[in-house]
Amino acid sequence: MYYSSVTPAEKRTALRRRLDTGELTVLPGVFNALSAQLLQRRGADGVYISGHMIAADLGLPDLGMTTITEVADRGRQIARMVDLPAIIDADTGFGEPLNVGRSIQALEDAGIAGCHIEDQVNPKKCGHSDGIAVVDPEAALRRIEAAVCARRDPGFLVIARTDARAVEGLDAAIGRARAFVEAGADVVFPEALQSPDEYAAFRHAVDVPLMINMNEFGRGTPPTQAEARNLGYQIAVYPVTLLRLAMRAALEGVDEILHAGSQHRLLDRMQTKDELYDLLEYGEYQAFDDAVFRAAATQTGSH
């Protein structure tokens, strides 16, 4: 009831222990606290908060227009409601090294377990878009160095994302990744690789946990979880999958309401009132409120 009793430090420790096992940690993307609570109820390893999702939920395209305040606020709203560790997309760090450092501490304060920072230029784009551009290797490295130096909790996971494959090729992306690891990155996220062989080559070349994007509308067919495990990747994220599912269902529902004049035919496709109340632990809140009122009435009556 209310917020999670698991501290941010405990969540970060749990995530690191999970990564140490070498098993694949599956993080579906969530778009609000309720969807995060659903993942917890269903036994997920953790939650992922995508920058693409945050922008879309604000009615904006994924073009680097969100602010660290918006991202940290959304992260806080989600992380405080679940016992699961949350990884969040910090885009390019929201500025130069000083801004990157402040962003890291804002995300620590929000209760996030880790974030990834990428090497795109601003305004950035979705990593699977055309026209990607990356900053030079030195500028990219400064972002990761700033993130590592600024974190106060050594358990906070710094994930270095590189989009260089689409611009400079695989070897350049691997070179950047190795430099990020030397700078202290805990995990590397090679975005938009183009074949299983490339994923395997990255795994062979970089000696830290690797993160893989399971984007269903990216470049090529996303691997299955079994394939990701076999390739040796430790974190798999589904950035916008749940939001896309929800919005498609919402679209069909809106059409039914506007054209049929009723939601009657939609009832069997909805989460029921009881299911929603159960997920929200409505009964526990009501019992708490009732107990407080009973205690107050007893005290008043004793005088």
C-alpha atoms as a PDB file:
ATOM      1  CA  MET A   1       0.000   0.000   0.000  1.00  0.00           C
ATOM      2  CA  TYR A   2       1.176   3.549  -0.728  1.00  0.00           C
ATOM      3  CA  TYR A   3       4.751   3.534  -1.997  1.00  0.00           C
ATOM      4  CA  SER A   4       7.279   0.707  -2.160  1.00  0.00           C
ATOM      5  CA  SER A   5       9.049  -0.151   1.087  1.00  0.00           C
ATOM      6  CA  VAL A   6      12.092  -1.339  -0.865  1.00  0.00           C
ATOM      7  CA  THR A   7      14.709   1.407  -0.893  1.00  0.00           C
ATOM      8  CA  PRO A   8      16.328   2.641  -4.118  1.00  0.00           C
ATOM      9  CA  ALA A   9      19.674   1.283  -2.886  1.00  0.00           C
ATOM     10  CA  GLU A  10      18.131  -2.159  -2.350  1.00  0.00           C
ATOM     11  CA  LYS A  11      16.625  -2.119  -5.836  1.00  0.00           C
ATOM     12  CA  ARG A  12      19.987  -1.189  -7.353  1.00  0.00           C
ATOM     13  CA  THR A  13      21.698  -3.973  -5.438  1.00  0.00           C
ATOM     14  CA  ALA A  14      19.073  -6.467  -6.602  1.00  0.00           C
ATOM     15  CA  LEU A  15      19.560  -5.436 -10.233  1.00  0.00           C
ATOM     16  CA  ARG A  16      23.330  -5.775 -10.012  1.00  0.00           C
ATOM     17  CA  ARG A  17      23.043  -9.193  -8.394  1.00  0.00           C
ATOM     18  CA  ARG A  18      20.723 -10.251 -11.163  1.00  0.00           C
ATOM     19  CA  LEU A  19      23.230  -9.094 -13.791  1.00  0.00           C
ATOM     20  CA  ASP A  20      26.012 -10.967 -11.998  1.00  0.00           C
ATOM     21  CA  THR A  21      24.166 -14.236 -12.617  1.00  0.00           C
ATOM     22  CA  GLY A  22      24.553 -13.774 -16.369  1.00  0.00           C
ATOM     23  CA  GLU A  23      20.860 -14.498 -16.904  1.00  0.00           C
ATOM     24  CA  LEU A  24      18.782 -12.373 -19.257  1.00  0.00           C
ATOM     25  CA  THR A  25      16.916  -9.639 -17.363  1.00  0.00           C
ATOM     26  CA  VAL A  26      13.707  -8.807 -19.239  1.00  0.00           C
ATOM     27  CA  LEU A  27      12.415  -5.258 -18.777  1.00  0.00           C
ATOM     28  CA  PRO A  28       9.150  -4.418 -20.533  1.00  0.00           C
ATOM     29  CA  GLY A  29       8.615  -0.711 -21.059  1.00  0.00           C
ATOM     30  CA  VAL A  30       5.995   0.946 -18.856  1.00  0.00           C
ATOM     31  CA  PHE A  31       4.110   4.178 -19.496  1.00  0.00           C
ATOM     32  CA  ASN A  32       2.786   4.908 -16.017  1.00  0.00           C
ATOM     33  CA  ALA A  33       2.775   3.596 -12.464  1.00  0.00           C
ATOM     34  CA  LEU A  34      -0.261   1.382 -13.070  1.00  0.00           C
ATOM     35  CA  SER A  35       1.427  -0.504 -15.919  1.00  0.00           C
ATOM     36  CA  ALA A  36       4.490  -0.923 -13.672  1.00  0.00           C
ATOM     37  CA  GLN A  37       2.271  -2.388 -10.946  1.00  0.00           C
ATOM     38  CA  LEU A  38       0.865  -4.811 -13.503  1.00  0.00           C
ATOM     39  CA  LEU A  39       4.387  -5.971 -14.376  1.00  0.00           C
ATOM     40  CA  GLN A  40       5.206  -6.478 -10.720  1.00  0.00           C
ATOM     41  CA  ARG A  41       2.030  -8.476 -10.220  1.00  0.00           C
ATOM     42  CA  ARG A  42       2.960 -10.713 -13.170  1.00  0.00           C
ATOM     43  CA  GLY A  43       6.497 -11.377 -11.936  1.00  0.00           C
ATOM     44  CA  ALA A  44       8.659  -9.198 -14.203  1.00  0.00           C
ATOM     45  CA  ASP A  45      12.368  -8.759 -13.481  1.00  0.00           C
ATOM     46  CA  GLY A  46      12.078  -4.975 -13.519  1.00  0.00           C
ATOM     47  CA  VAL A  47      10.700  -2.088 -15.536  1.00  0.00           C
ATOM     48  CA  TYR A  48      12.066   0.047 -18.349  1.00  0.00           C
ATOM     49  CA  ILE A  49      11.074   3.679 -18.895  1.00  0.00           C
ATOM     50  CA  SER A  50      11.736   4.697 -22.483  1.00  0.00           C
ATOM     51  CA  GLY A  51      12.387   8.242 -23.624  1.00  0.00           C
ATOM     52  CA  HIS A  52      10.313   7.500 -26.707  1.00  0.00           C
ATOM     53  CA  MET A  53       7.439   6.504 -24.436  1.00  0.00           C
ATOM     54  CA  ILE A  54       7.735   9.562 -22.203  1.00  0.00           C
ATOM     55  CA  ALA A  55       7.742  11.855 -25.225  1.00  0.00           C
ATOM     56  CA  ALA A  56       4.791  10.060 -26.829  1.00  0.00           C
ATOM     57  CA  ASP A  57       2.812  10.201 -23.603  1.00  0.00           C
ATOM     58  CA  LEU A  58       3.343  13.977 -23.633  1.00  0.00           C
ATOM     59  CA  GLY A  59       2.113  14.086 -27.230  1.00  0.00           C
ATOM     60  CA  LEU A  60       5.611  14.718 -28.592  1.00  0.00           C
ATOM     61  CA  PRO A  61       7.850  12.853 -31.063  1.00  0.00           C
ATOM     62  CA  ASP A  62      11.102  11.301 -29.878  1.00  0.00           C
ATOM     63  CA  LEU A  63      13.286  14.223 -30.935  1.00  0.00           C
ATOM     64  CA  GLY A  64      14.978  15.225 -27.701  1.00  0.00           C
ATOM     65  CA  MET A  65      12.303  17.707 -26.628  1.00  0.00           C
ATOM     66  CA  THR A  66      11.664  16.343 -23.148  1.00  0.00           C
ATOM     67  CA  THR A  67      13.498  17.828 -20.177  1.00  0.00           C
ATOM     68  CA  ILE A  68      15.308  16.167 -17.308  1.00  0.00           C
ATOM     69  CA  THR A  69      12.569  17.464 -15.006  1.00  0.00           C
ATOM     70  CA  GLU A  70       9.869  15.690 -17.034  1.00  0.00           C
ATOM     71  CA  VAL A  71      11.893  12.492 -17.268  1.00  0.00           C
ATOM     72  CA  ALA A  72      12.855  12.431 -13.574  1.00  0.00           C
ATOM     73  CA  ASP A  73       9.281  13.187 -12.517  1.00  0.00           C
ATOM     74  CA  ARG A  74       7.893  10.339 -14.597  1.00  0.00           C
ATOM     75  CA  GLY A  75      10.615   8.030 -13.301  1.00  0.00           C
ATOM     76  CA  ARG A  76       9.792   8.958  -9.702  1.00  0.00           C
ATOM     77  CA  GLN A  77       6.072   8.365 -10.218  1.00  0.00           C
ATOM     78  CA  ILE A  78       6.794   4.865 -11.502  1.00  0.00           C
ATOM     79  CA  ALA A  79       9.725   3.776  -9.325  1.00  0.00           C
ATOM     80  CA  ARG A  80       8.087   4.674  -6.023  1.00  0.00           C
ATOM     81  CA  MET A  81       5.077   2.420  -6.686  1.00  0.00           C
ATOM     82  CA  VAL A  82       6.880  -0.883  -7.269  1.00  0.00           C
ATOM     83  CA  ASP A  83       9.515  -3.014  -5.579  1.00  0.00           C
ATOM     84  CA  LEU A  84      11.149  -3.677  -8.956  1.00  0.00           C
ATOM     85  CA  PRO A  85      14.288  -1.885 -10.174  1.00  0.00           C
ATOM     86  CA  ALA A  86      13.676   0.640 -12.951  1.00  0.00           C
ATOM     87  CA  ILE A  87      16.023   1.609 -15.764  1.00  0.00           C
ATOM     88  CA  ILE A  88      15.271   4.887 -17.522  1.00  0.00           C
ATOM     89  CA  ASP A  89      16.309   6.436 -20.832  1.00  0.00           C
ATOM     90  CA  ALA A  90      18.278   9.643 -20.186  1.00  0.00           C
ATOM     91  CA  ASP A  91      18.723  10.477 -23.892  1.00  0.00           C
ATOM     92  CA  THR A  92      21.993  12.408 -24.336  1.00  0.00           C
ATOM     93  CA  GLY A  93      22.166  13.444 -20.679  1.00  0.00           C
ATOM     94  CA  PHE A  94      20.279  16.700 -21.298  1.00  0.00           C
ATOM     95  CA  GLY A  95      23.308  18.858 -22.025  1.00  0.00           C
ATOM     96  CA  GLU A  96      27.030  19.136 -21.533  1.00  0.00           C
ATOM     97  CA  PRO A  97      28.972  17.270 -18.795  1.00  0.00           C
ATOM     98  CA  LEU A  98      27.720  19.535 -15.996  1.00  0.00           C
ATOM     99  CA  ASN A  99      24.142  18.906 -17.109  1.00  0.00           C
ATOM    100  CA  VAL A 100      24.799  15.181 -17.409  1.00  0.00           C
ATOM    101  CA  GLY A 101      26.045  15.064 -13.835  1.00  0.00           C
ATOM    102  CA  ARG A 102      23.011  16.922 -12.552  1.00  0.00           C
ATOM    103  CA  SER A 103      20.748  14.606 -14.547  1.00  0.00           C
ATOM    104  CA  ILE A 104      22.317  11.549 -12.923  1.00  0.00           C
ATOM    105  CA  GLN A 105      21.724  12.913  -9.443  1.00  0.00           C
ATOM    106  CA  ALA A 106      18.141  13.870 -10.302  1.00  0.00           C
ATOM    107  CA  LEU A 107      17.503  10.283 -11.413  1.00  0.00           C
ATOM    108  CA  GLU A 108      19.159   8.924  -8.270  1.00  0.00           C
ATOM    109  CA  ASP A 109      16.831  11.116  -6.197  1.00  0.00           C
ATOM    110  CA  ALA A 110      13.885   9.795  -8.220  1.00  0.00           C
ATOM    111  CA  GLY A 111      14.660   6.255  -7.036  1.00  0.00           C
ATOM    112  CA  ILE A 112      15.816   4.948 -10.419  1.00  0.00           C
ATOM    113  CA  ALA A 113      18.185   1.964 -10.473  1.00  0.00           C
ATOM    114  CA  GLY A 114      20.086   3.014 -13.580  1.00  0.00           C
ATOM    115  CA  CYS A 115      19.953   4.937 -16.838  1.00  0.00           C
ATOM    116  CA  HIS A 116      21.462   4.934 -20.284  1.00  0.00           C
ATOM    117  CA  ILE A 117      23.104   7.884 -21.996  1.00  0.00           C
ATOM    118  CA  GLU A 118      23.696   7.922 -25.728  1.00  0.00           C
ATOM    119  CA  ASP A 119      26.199   9.473 -28.116  1.00  0.00           C
ATOM    120  CA  GLN A 120      23.792  11.108 -30.561  1.00  0.00           C
ATOM    121  CA  VAL A 121      23.855  14.818 -31.347  1.00  0.00           C
ATOM    122  CA  ASN A 122      21.028  17.042 -30.193  1.00  0.00           C
ATOM    123  CA  PRO A 123      18.240  17.011 -31.180  1.00  0.00           C
ATOM    124  CA  LYS A 124      18.459  13.234 -30.964  1.00  0.00           C
ATOM    125  CA  LYS A 125      16.199  10.764 -32.771  1.00  0.00           C
ATOM    126  CA  CYS A 126      14.855   7.294 -32.218  1.00  0.00           C
ATOM    127  CA  GLY A 127      17.818   4.992 -32.734  1.00  0.00           C
ATOM    128  CA  HIS A 128      16.069   3.145 -35.550  1.00  0.00           C
ATOM    129  CA  SER A 129      15.318   6.301 -37.569  1.00  0.00           C
ATOM    130  CA  ASP A 130      17.063   7.513 -40.698  1.00  0.00           C
ATOM    131  CA  GLY A 131      19.486  10.423 -40.468  1.00  0.00           C
ATOM    132  CA  ILE A 132      21.098   9.518 -37.141  1.00  0.00           C
ATOM    133  CA  ALA A 133      24.143  11.631 -36.250  1.00  0.00           C
ATOM    134  CA  VAL A 134      26.586  11.055 -33.401  1.00  0.00           C
ATOM    135  CA  VAL A 135      28.971  13.370 -31.597  1.00  0.00           C
ATOM    136  CA  ASP A 136      32.706  12.786 -31.874  1.00  0.00           C
ATOM    137  CA  PRO A 137      34.189  10.062 -29.660  1.00  0.00           C
ATOM    138  CA  GLU A 138      35.720  12.533 -27.207  1.00  0.00           C
ATOM    139  CA  ALA A 139      32.409  14.313 -26.597  1.00  0.00           C
ATOM    140  CA  ALA A 140      30.642  10.985 -26.185  1.00  0.00           C
ATOM    141  CA  LEU A 141      33.251   9.843 -23.678  1.00  0.00           C
ATOM    142  CA  ARG A 142      32.885  13.034 -21.624  1.00  0.00           C
ATOM    143  CA  ARG A 143      29.183  12.277 -21.132  1.00  0.00           C
ATOM    144  CA  ILE A 144      29.923   8.860 -19.667  1.00  0.00           C
ATOM    145  CA  GLU A 145      32.776  10.170 -17.533  1.00  0.00           C
ATOM    146  CA  ALA A 146      30.458  12.852 -16.152  1.00  0.00           C
ATOM    147  CA  ALA A 147      27.770  10.275 -15.348  1.00  0.00           C
ATOM    148  CA  VAL A 148      30.214   7.980 -13.545  1.00  0.00           C
ATOM    149  CA  CYS A 149      31.787  10.814 -11.564  1.00  0.00           C
ATOM    150  CA  ALA A 150      28.472  12.413 -10.578  1.00  0.00           C
ATOM    151  CA  ARG A 151      26.677   9.396  -9.163  1.00  0.00           C
ATOM    152  CA  ARG A 152      26.642   9.308  -5.388  1.00  0.00           C
ATOM    153  CA  ASP A 153      25.442   5.729  -5.061  1.00  0.00           C
ATOM    154  CA  PRO A 154      27.969   3.373  -6.679  1.00  0.00           C
ATOM    155  CA  GLY A 155      25.091   0.942  -7.127  1.00  0.00           C
ATOM    156  CA  PHE A 156      23.411   3.233  -9.658  1.00  0.00           C
ATOM    157  CA  LEU A 157      23.882   1.593 -13.047  1.00  0.00           C
ATOM    158  CA  VAL A 158      25.506   3.730 -15.759  1.00  0.00           C
ATOM    159  CA  ILE A 159      24.653   2.317 -19.170  1.00  0.00           C
ATOM    160  CA  ALA A 160      26.523   3.688 -22.177  1.00  0.00           C
ATOM    161  CA  ARG A 161      24.508   3.571 -25.373  1.00  0.00           C
ATOM    162  CA  THR A 162      26.138   4.006 -28.763  1.00  0.00           C
ATOM    163  CA  ASP A 163      24.277   4.711 -31.986  1.00  0.00           C
ATOM    164  CA  ALA A 164      27.497   4.775 -33.990  1.00  0.00           C
ATOM    165  CA  ARG A 165      26.762   1.571 -35.926  1.00  0.00           C
ATOM    166  CA  ALA A 166      24.309   3.368 -38.211  1.00  0.00           C
ATOM    167  CA  VAL A 167      26.761   6.218 -38.883  1.00  0.00           C
ATOM    168  CA  GLU A 168      30.328   4.967 -38.639  1.00  0.00           C
ATOM    169  CA  GLY A 169      30.005   1.192 -38.813  1.00  0.00           C
ATOM    170  CA  LEU A 170      30.381  -1.716 -36.429  1.00  0.00           C
ATOM    171  CA  ASP A 171      34.094  -1.376 -35.688  1.00  0.00           C
ATOM    172  CA  ALA A 172      33.697   2.270 -34.696  1.00  0.00           C
ATOM    173  CA  ALA A 173      30.762   1.397 -32.430  1.00  0.00           C
ATOM    174  CA  ILE A 174      32.828  -1.309 -30.736  1.00  0.00           C
ATOM    175  CA  GLY A 175      35.706   1.134 -30.295  1.00  0.00           C
ATOM    176  CA  ARG A 176      33.418   3.607 -28.581  1.00  0.00           C
ATOM    177  CA  ALA A 177      31.986   0.893 -26.365  1.00  0.00           C
ATOM    178  CA  ARG A 178      35.435  -0.160 -25.167  1.00  0.00           C
ATOM    179  CA  ALA A 179      36.280   3.447 -24.315  1.00  0.00           C
ATOM    180  CA  PHE A 180      33.027   3.777 -22.380  1.00  0.00           C
ATOM    181  CA  VAL A 181      33.899   0.685 -20.344  1.00  0.00           C
ATOM    182  CA  GLU A 182      37.337   2.108 -19.539  1.00  0.00           C
ATOM    183  CA  ALA A 183      35.579   5.275 -18.356  1.00  0.00           C
ATOM    184  CA  GLY A 184      33.513   3.263 -15.883  1.00  0.00           C
ATOM    185  CA  ALA A 185      30.315   2.314 -17.726  1.00  0.00           C
ATOM    186  CA  ASP A 186      28.685  -0.697 -16.089  1.00  0.00           C
ATOM    187  CA  VAL A 187      26.700  -1.832 -19.143  1.00  0.00           C
ATOM    188  CA  VAL A 188      26.902  -1.094 -22.867  1.00  0.00           C
ATOM    189  CA  PHE A 189      23.854  -0.697 -25.086  1.00  0.00           C
ATOM    190  CA  PRO A 190      24.732  -1.049 -28.786  1.00  0.00           C
ATOM    191  CA  GLU A 191      21.715   0.348 -30.602  1.00  0.00           C
ATOM    192  CA  ALA A 192      20.368  -0.794 -33.978  1.00  0.00           C
ATOM    193  CA  LEU A 193      22.837  -3.540 -34.826  1.00  0.00           C
ATOM    194  CA  GLN A 194      21.862  -5.184 -38.074  1.00  0.00           C
ATOM    195  CA  SER A 195      22.347  -8.940 -37.732  1.00  0.00           C
ATOM    196  CA  PRO A 196      22.942 -11.734 -35.221  1.00  0.00           C
ATOM    197  CA  ASP A 197      26.577 -11.775 -36.334  1.00  0.00           C
ATOM    198  CA  GLU A 198      26.949  -8.137 -35.325  1.00  0.00           C
ATOM    199  CA  TYR A 199      25.396  -8.797 -31.921  1.00  0.00           C
ATOM    200  CA  ALA A 200      27.792 -11.707 -31.488  1.00  0.00           C
ATOM    201  CA  ALA A 201      30.770  -9.588 -32.524  1.00  0.00           C
ATOM    202  CA  PHE A 202      29.854  -6.974 -29.943  1.00  0.00           C
ATOM    203  CA  ARG A 203      29.552  -9.635 -27.273  1.00  0.00           C
ATOM    204  CA  HIS A 204      32.980 -11.003 -28.151  1.00  0.00           C
ATOM    205  CA  ALA A 205      34.598  -7.541 -28.071  1.00  0.00           C
ATOM    206  CA  VAL A 206      33.113  -5.965 -24.930  1.00  0.00           C
ATOM    207  CA  ASP A 207      33.595  -7.464 -21.479  1.00  0.00           C
ATOM    208  CA  VAL A 208      30.644  -6.003 -19.514  1.00  0.00           C
ATOM    209  CA  PRO A 209      26.928  -6.821 -19.529  1.00  0.00           C
ATOM    210  CA  LEU A 210      25.183  -5.830 -22.750  1.00  0.00           C
ATOM    211  CA  MET A 211      21.689  -4.483 -23.307  1.00  0.00           C
ATOM    212  CA  ILE A 212      19.549  -5.263 -26.346  1.00  0.00           C
ATOM    213  CA  ASN A 213      16.551  -3.412 -27.772  1.00  0.00           C
ATOM    214  CA  MET A 214      13.639  -5.707 -28.677  1.00  0.00           C
ATOM    215  CA  ASN A 215      11.872  -2.940 -30.627  1.00  0.00           C
ATOM    216  CA  GLU A 216       9.247  -4.544 -32.844  1.00  0.00           C
ATOM    217  CA  PHE A 217       9.393  -1.792 -35.478  1.00  0.00           C
ATOM    218  CA  GLY A 218      13.146  -1.288 -35.680  1.00  0.00           C
ATOM    219  CA  ARG A 219      15.735  -2.248 -38.241  1.00  0.00           C
ATOM    220  CA  GLY A 220      15.146  -5.922 -38.904  1.00  0.00           C
ATOM    221  CA  THR A 221      13.272  -8.501 -36.881  1.00  0.00           C
ATOM    222  CA  PRO A 222      13.973  -8.307 -33.149  1.00  0.00           C
ATOM    223  CA  PRO A 223      15.534 -11.410 -31.629  1.00  0.00           C
ATOM    224  CA  THR A 224      13.583 -13.639 -29.298  1.00  0.00           C
ATOM    225  CA  GLN A 225      14.582 -13.829 -25.655  1.00  0.00           C
ATOM    226  CA  ALA A 226      16.103 -17.246 -26.287  1.00  0.00           C
ATOM    227  CA  GLU A 227      18.227 -15.788 -29.090  1.00  0.00           C
ATOM    228  CA  ALA A 228      19.300 -12.864 -26.893  1.00  0.00           C
ATOM    229  CA  ARG A 229      20.351 -15.309 -24.157  1.00  0.00           C
ATOM    230  CA  ASN A 230      22.304 -17.391 -26.640  1.00  0.00           C
ATOM    231  CA  LEU A 231      24.060 -14.257 -27.887  1.00  0.00           C
ATOM    232  CA  GLY A 232      25.165 -13.529 -24.321  1.00  0.00           C
ATOM    233  CA  TYR A 233      23.139 -10.380 -23.640  1.00  0.00           C
ATOM    234  CA  GLN A 234      22.047  -9.612 -20.079  1.00  0.00           C
ATOM    235  CA  ILE A 235      19.296  -6.954 -20.429  1.00  0.00           C
ATOM    236  CA  ALA A 236      16.426  -7.011 -22.943  1.00  0.00           C
ATOM    237  CA  VAL A 237      14.060  -4.041 -23.143  1.00  0.00           C
ATOM    238  CA  TYR A 238      10.718  -3.638 -24.901  1.00  0.00           C
ATOM    239  CA  PRO A 239      10.565   0.173 -25.021  1.00  0.00           C
ATOM    240  CA  VAL A 240       7.125   1.007 -26.424  1.00  0.00           C
ATOM    241  CA  THR A 241       5.408  -2.376 -26.761  1.00  0.00           C
ATOM    242  CA  LEU A 242       2.882  -1.936 -23.930  1.00  0.00           C
ATOM    243  CA  LEU A 243       2.025   1.612 -24.988  1.00  0.00           C
ATOM    244  CA  ARG A 244       1.453   0.487 -28.572  1.00  0.00           C
ATOM    245  CA  LEU A 245      -0.817  -2.321 -27.399  1.00  0.00           C
ATOM    246  CA  ALA A 246      -2.769   0.047 -25.151  1.00  0.00           C
ATOM    247  CA  MET A 247      -3.133   2.737 -27.825  1.00  0.00           C
ATOM    248  CA  ARG A 248      -4.325   0.242 -30.441  1.00  0.00           C
ATOM    249  CA  ALA A 249      -6.979  -0.997 -28.022  1.00  0.00           C
ATOM    250  CA  ALA A 250      -7.907   2.593 -27.181  1.00  0.00           C
ATOM    251  CA  LEU A 251      -8.234   3.459 -30.875  1.00  0.00           C
ATOM    252  CA  GLU A 252     -10.570   0.542 -31.493  1.00  0.00           C
ATOM    253  CA  GLY A 253     -12.586   1.498 -28.433  1.00  0.00           C
ATOM    254  CA  VAL A 254     -12.904   5.134 -29.489  1.00  0.00           C
ATOM    255  CA  ASP A 255     -14.113   4.071 -32.936  1.00  0.00           C
ATOM    256  CA  GLU A 256     -16.716   1.796 -31.372  1.00  0.00           C
ATOM    257  CA  ILE A 257     -17.983   4.535 -29.034  1.00  0.00           C
ATOM    258  CA  LEU A 258     -18.169   7.172 -31.755  1.00  0.00           C
ATOM    259  CA  HIS A 259     -19.656   4.998 -34.497  1.00  0.00           C
ATOM    260  CA  ALA A 260     -21.777   2.471 -32.611  1.00  0.00           C
ATOM    261  CA  GLY A 261     -22.895   4.915 -29.959  1.00  0.00           C
ATOM    262  CA  SER A 262     -22.161   2.516 -27.094  1.00  0.00           C
ATOM    263  CA  GLN A 263     -19.335   0.647 -25.376  1.00  0.00           C
ATOM    264  CA  HIS A 264     -21.523  -2.445 -24.840  1.00  0.00           C
ATOM    265  CA  ARG A 265     -19.614  -4.588 -27.336  1.00  0.00           C
ATOM    266  CA  LEU A 266     -16.292  -3.665 -25.701  1.00  0.00           C
ATOM    267  CA  LEU A 267     -16.982  -4.965 -22.217  1.00  0.00           C
ATOM    268  CA  ASP A 268     -15.352  -8.360 -22.689  1.00  0.00           C
ATOM    269  CA  ARG A 269     -12.153  -6.624 -23.879  1.00  0.00           C
ATOM    270  CA  MET A 270     -11.857  -4.398 -20.805  1.00  0.00           C
ATOM    271  CA  GLN A 271     -10.124  -4.844 -17.499  1.00  0.00           C
ATOM    272  CA  THR A 272     -13.032  -5.205 -15.095  1.00  0.00           C
ATOM    273  CA  LYS A 273     -13.674  -2.911 -12.153  1.00  0.00           C
ATOM    274  CA  ASP A 274     -12.731  -5.710  -9.757  1.00  0.00           C
ATOM    275  CA  GLU A 275      -9.504  -6.417 -11.625  1.00  0.00           C
ATOM    276  CA  LEU A 276      -8.536  -2.748 -11.522  1.00  0.00           C
ATOM    277  CA  TYR A 277      -9.401  -2.440  -7.829  1.00  0.00           C
ATOM    278  CA  ASP A 278      -7.390  -5.577  -7.077  1.00  0.00           C
ATOM    279  CA  LEU A 279      -4.345  -4.214  -8.927  1.00  0.00           C
ATOM    280  CA  LEU A 280      -4.647  -0.914  -7.056  1.00  0.00           C
ATOM    281  CA  GLU A 281      -5.099  -2.757  -3.718  1.00  0.00           C
ATOM    282  CA  TYR A 282      -8.301  -0.798  -3.181  1.00  0.00           C
ATOM    283  CA  GLY A 283      -9.353  -3.047  -0.293  1.00  0.00           C
ATOM    284  CA  GLU A 284      -6.125  -2.454   1.619  1.00  0.00           C
ATOM    285  CA  TYR A 285      -6.498   1.315   1.337  1.00  0.00           C
ATOM    286  CA  GLN A 286     -10.114   1.139   2.462  1.00  0.00           C
ATOM    287  CA  ALA A 287      -9.210  -1.086   5.405  1.00  0.00           C
ATOM    288  CA  PHE A 288      -6.478   1.338   6.450  1.00  0.00           C
ATOM    289  CA  ASP A 289      -8.867   4.282   6.287  1.00  0.00           C
ATOM    290  CA  ASP A 290     -11.554   2.426   8.217  1.00  0.00           C
ATOM    291  CA  ALA A 291      -9.066   1.405  10.935  1.00  0.00           C
ATOM    292  CA  VAL A 292      -7.929   5.015  11.402  1.00  0.00           C
ATOM    293  CA  PHE A 293     -11.518   6.203  11.721  1.00  0.00           C
ATOM    294  CA  ARG A 294     -12.321   3.430  14.208  1.00  0.00           C
ATOM    295  CA  ALA A 295      -9.267   4.292  16.287  1.00  0.00           C
ATOM    296  CA  ALA A 296     -10.144   7.987  16.247  1.00  0.00           C
ATOM    297  CA  ALA A 297     -13.745   7.243  17.265  1.00  0.00           C
ATOM    298  CA  THR A 298     -12.571   5.023  20.128  1.00  0.00           C
ATOM    299  CA  GLN A 299     -10.233   7.708  21.423  1.00  0.00           C
ATOM    300  CA  THR A 300     -12.945  10.353  21.189  1.00  0.00           C
ATOM    301  CA  GLY A 301     -15.441   8.153  23.008  1.00  0.00           C
ATOM    302  CA  SER A 302     -13.014   7.461  25.851  1.00  0.00           C
ATOM    303  CA  HIS A 303     -12.897  11.117  26.896  1.00  0.00           C
END
